């Protein structure tokens, strides 16, 4: 009787371990799939960066501007619910995740037709941002500067339209999930026809 009880304890203990491993694996697969979908949508939106000439000459152009923790641009492809079509102003921001020790990638999107460039862009409400990726060990952006006769193409941490001419040739999004996984690099190429000359 004692031997049967011991065997039952071992069998049920191993089943419990198996179920826990299964659930953990499903959770990891779900989180990886969400990251892959989100990064694909970001790449699609970055690849559709466009220039829009403003109606007022004082407004100038909407250009790409960013550093390694944020970027803003105008895209032809909306991602947020409610923006069905047309040009949209997009801002991606990496900030500390409240629920964990990692980073959180969130974004803001608004139709350009509804945008007051002089007022809206300086004071964006935190409630208007959508969280895309949470609990990441690190998230960052890099910008590929086109090569010139003097220097080759190189990745840089910032893109400032006052300093850098036109658009970056590509934008790289770097996502570091956790210490057990390699960082994911997503590179969105910006078409040369879009770049002003």
Protein backbone atom coordinates (compact mmCIF):
# COMPACT_ATOMS: atom_id res chain seq x y z
CA UNK A 1 0.00 0.00 0.00
CA UNK A 2 2.87 2.37 0.80
CA UNK A 3 4.55 1.54 -2.50
CA UNK A 4 1.35 2.29 -4.46
CA UNK A 5 1.02 5.64 -2.64
CA UNK A 6 4.65 6.49 -3.41
CA UNK A 7 4.17 5.61 -7.09
CA UNK A 8 1.04 7.80 -7.28
CA UNK A 9 2.92 10.74 -5.70
CA UNK A 10 5.74 10.38 -8.24
CA UNK A 11 3.33 10.07 -11.21
CA UNK A 12 1.21 13.07 -10.21
CA UNK A 13 4.32 15.11 -9.39
CA UNK A 14 5.74 14.46 -12.84
CA UNK A 15 2.39 15.31 -14.46
CA UNK A 16 2.32 18.60 -12.56
CA UNK A 17 5.85 19.43 -13.74
CA UNK A 18 4.87 18.56 -17.31
CA UNK A 19 1.77 20.78 -17.22
CA UNK A 20 3.78 23.70 -15.82
CA UNK A 21 6.41 23.34 -18.54
CA UNK A 22 3.68 23.18 -21.19
CA UNK A 23 1.99 26.36 -19.88
CA UNK A 24 5.30 28.22 -19.70
CA UNK A 25 6.12 27.20 -23.26
CA UNK A 26 2.71 28.37 -24.49
CA UNK A 27 3.19 31.70 -22.73
CA UNK A 28 6.62 32.17 -24.34
CA UNK A 29 5.27 31.26 -27.80
CA UNK A 30 2.40 33.72 -27.40
CA UNK A 31 4.69 36.53 -26.33
CA UNK A 32 7.17 35.85 -29.17
CA UNK A 33 4.35 35.74 -31.71
CA UNK A 34 3.01 39.09 -30.45
CA UNK A 35 6.50 40.63 -30.69
CA UNK A 36 6.92 39.32 -34.23
CA UNK A 37 3.56 40.72 -35.34
CA UNK A 38 4.19 44.11 -33.71
CA UNK A 39 7.69 44.38 -35.20
CA UNK A 40 6.29 43.48 -38.63
CA UNK A 41 3.69 46.25 -38.37
CA UNK A 42 6.34 48.74 -37.22
CA UNK A 43 8.58 47.77 -40.14
CA UNK A 44 5.68 48.20 -42.57
CA UNK A 45 4.87 51.64 -41.17
CA UNK A 46 8.51 52.76 -41.17
CA UNK A 47 8.96 51.63 -44.77
CA UNK A 48 6.06 53.87 -45.80
CA UNK A 49 7.55 57.09 -44.41
CA UNK A 50 6.64 60.00 -46.68
CA UNK A 51 7.14 63.73 -47.06
CA UNK A 52 4.13 65.98 -46.89
CA UNK A 53 4.35 69.57 -47.94
CA UNK A 54 2.53 71.78 -45.45
CA UNK A 55 -0.16 74.21 -46.57
CA UNK A 56 1.53 77.11 -44.79
CA UNK A 57 5.01 77.91 -46.01
CA UNK A 58 6.09 78.54 -42.40
CA UNK A 59 5.27 74.94 -41.48
CA UNK A 60 7.80 73.41 -43.84
CA UNK A 61 7.95 69.64 -44.23
CA UNK A 62 7.23 66.78 -41.85
CA UNK A 63 10.60 65.05 -41.64
CA UNK A 64 11.95 62.08 -39.72
CA UNK A 65 13.30 63.06 -36.32
CA UNK A 66 14.51 60.73 -33.62
CA UNK A 67 17.07 59.41 -31.21
CA UNK A 68 17.71 55.95 -29.82
CA UNK A 69 14.62 56.10 -27.53
CA UNK A 70 12.04 57.94 -29.68
CA UNK A 71 11.23 58.85 -33.25
CA UNK A 72 8.56 60.79 -35.12
CA UNK A 73 7.56 60.87 -38.78
CA UNK A 74 4.63 60.92 -41.20
CA UNK A 75 3.53 57.61 -42.69
CA UNK A 76 1.15 56.52 -45.43
CA UNK A 77 0.08 53.45 -43.43
CA UNK A 78 -1.93 53.94 -40.23
CA UNK A 79 -1.69 51.32 -37.48
CA UNK A 80 -4.06 52.60 -34.78
CA UNK A 81 -7.76 51.78 -34.78
CA UNK A 82 -9.76 54.74 -36.04
CA UNK A 83 -7.22 55.88 -38.64
CA UNK A 84 -8.49 54.05 -41.69
CA UNK A 85 -6.60 55.88 -44.43
CA UNK A 86 -4.55 58.93 -45.29
CA UNK A 87 -1.32 60.29 -43.93
CA UNK A 88 -0.72 59.92 -40.21
CA UNK A 89 1.74 61.55 -37.84
CA UNK A 90 3.45 58.82 -35.79
CA UNK A 91 5.59 59.03 -32.67
CA UNK A 92 7.28 55.99 -31.09
CA UNK A 93 8.57 56.35 -27.52
CA UNK A 94 10.59 53.96 -25.37
CA UNK A 95 10.07 54.48 -21.65
CA UNK A 96 10.53 52.54 -18.44
CA UNK A 97 7.84 49.89 -17.99
CA UNK A 98 5.85 50.46 -14.79
CA UNK A 99 5.05 46.76 -14.33
CA UNK A 100 8.61 45.45 -14.69
CA UNK A 101 12.24 46.51 -14.70
CA UNK A 102 12.38 46.62 -18.51
CA UNK A 103 11.39 49.02 -21.26
CA UNK A 104 8.03 49.63 -22.89
CA UNK A 105 7.54 50.68 -26.53
CA UNK A 106 4.44 52.79 -27.09
CA UNK A 107 3.25 54.87 -29.99
CA UNK A 108 1.01 57.82 -30.80
CA UNK A 109 -0.75 58.26 -34.11
CA UNK A 110 -3.00 61.00 -35.47
CA UNK A 111 -4.34 61.77 -38.92
CA UNK A 112 -2.36 64.64 -40.46
CA UNK A 113 -5.58 66.35 -41.59
CA UNK A 114 -6.62 66.68 -37.92
CA UNK A 115 -3.21 67.76 -36.70
CA UNK A 116 -2.36 71.26 -35.51
CA UNK A 117 1.41 71.04 -35.93
CA UNK A 118 2.21 74.16 -33.91
CA UNK A 119 0.30 73.06 -30.82
CA UNK A 120 -0.37 69.33 -30.89
CA UNK A 121 3.14 67.96 -31.27
CA UNK A 122 4.58 69.66 -28.20
CA UNK A 123 1.99 68.43 -25.71
CA UNK A 124 0.93 64.89 -26.46
CA UNK A 125 -1.28 63.30 -23.82
CA UNK A 126 0.06 60.07 -22.29
CA UNK A 127 -3.43 58.55 -22.53
CA UNK A 128 -3.29 58.79 -26.34
CA UNK A 129 -0.30 56.42 -26.53
CA UNK A 130 -0.80 52.71 -27.26
CA UNK A 131 1.56 50.17 -25.65
CA UNK A 132 3.06 47.83 -28.24
CA UNK A 133 5.77 45.89 -26.41
CA UNK A 134 6.21 45.65 -22.65
CA UNK A 135 8.79 44.15 -20.29
CA UNK A 136 11.65 44.21 -22.80
CA UNK A 137 15.22 44.34 -21.52
CA UNK A 138 16.03 47.04 -24.06
CA UNK A 139 14.49 48.74 -27.09
CA UNK A 140 16.25 51.23 -29.34
CA UNK A 141 16.34 52.87 -32.77
CA UNK A 142 19.23 53.48 -35.16
CA UNK A 143 19.28 55.37 -38.45
CA UNK A 144 21.33 54.58 -41.55
CA UNK A 145 22.89 57.68 -43.05
CA UNK A 146 23.46 57.45 -46.78
CA UNK A 147 27.00 57.37 -48.00
CA UNK A 148 28.67 60.36 -49.55
CA UNK A 149 31.81 60.65 -51.62
CA UNK A 150 33.84 61.23 -48.45
CA UNK A 151 32.39 58.56 -46.17
CA UNK A 152 30.56 55.25 -46.28
CA UNK A 153 27.04 54.56 -45.01
CA UNK A 154 26.89 54.26 -41.24
CA UNK A 155 24.36 53.66 -38.48
CA UNK A 156 23.85 56.56 -36.09
CA UNK A 157 21.94 56.97 -32.82
CA UNK A 158 20.05 60.15 -33.78
CA UNK A 159 18.42 61.66 -36.83
CA UNK A 160 17.91 65.42 -36.73
CA UNK A 161 16.49 67.11 -39.86
CA UNK A 162 18.39 70.30 -38.97
CA UNK A 163 21.70 68.40 -39.17
CA UNK A 164 21.02 65.37 -41.36
CA UNK A 165 19.79 65.98 -44.87
CA UNK A 166 16.61 64.30 -46.12
CA UNK A 167 15.72 60.89 -44.78
CA UNK A 168 17.70 57.99 -43.38
CA UNK A 169 18.27 55.17 -45.89
CA UNK A 170 16.88 52.72 -43.32
CA UNK A 171 15.72 52.56 -39.71
CA UNK A 172 16.72 49.73 -37.38
CA UNK A 173 14.60 48.70 -34.40
CA UNK A 174 16.53 46.67 -31.81
CA UNK A 175 14.55 44.60 -29.30
CA UNK A 176 16.29 42.79 -26.46
CA UNK A 177 13.75 40.38 -24.96
CA UNK A 178 15.52 38.83 -21.98
CA UNK A 179 18.93 37.44 -21.03
CA UNK A 180 18.15 34.03 -22.56
CA UNK A 181 17.38 35.33 -26.06
CA UNK A 182 19.41 37.14 -28.67
CA UNK A 183 18.38 40.68 -29.60
CA UNK A 184 16.03 41.03 -32.56
CA UNK A 185 17.07 43.54 -35.24
CA UNK A 186 14.35 44.72 -37.63
CA UNK A 187 15.52 46.93 -40.49
CA UNK A 188 13.00 48.96 -42.49
CA UNK A 189 14.41 50.26 -45.76
CA UNK A 190 13.18 53.67 -46.83
CA UNK A 191 12.76 53.83 -50.59
CA UNK A 192 15.14 56.20 -52.41
CA UNK A 193 12.31 57.68 -54.52
CA UNK A 194 10.82 59.14 -51.35
CA UNK A 195 13.94 61.07 -50.39
CA UNK A 196 13.94 64.72 -51.40
CA UNK A 197 16.88 65.87 -53.47
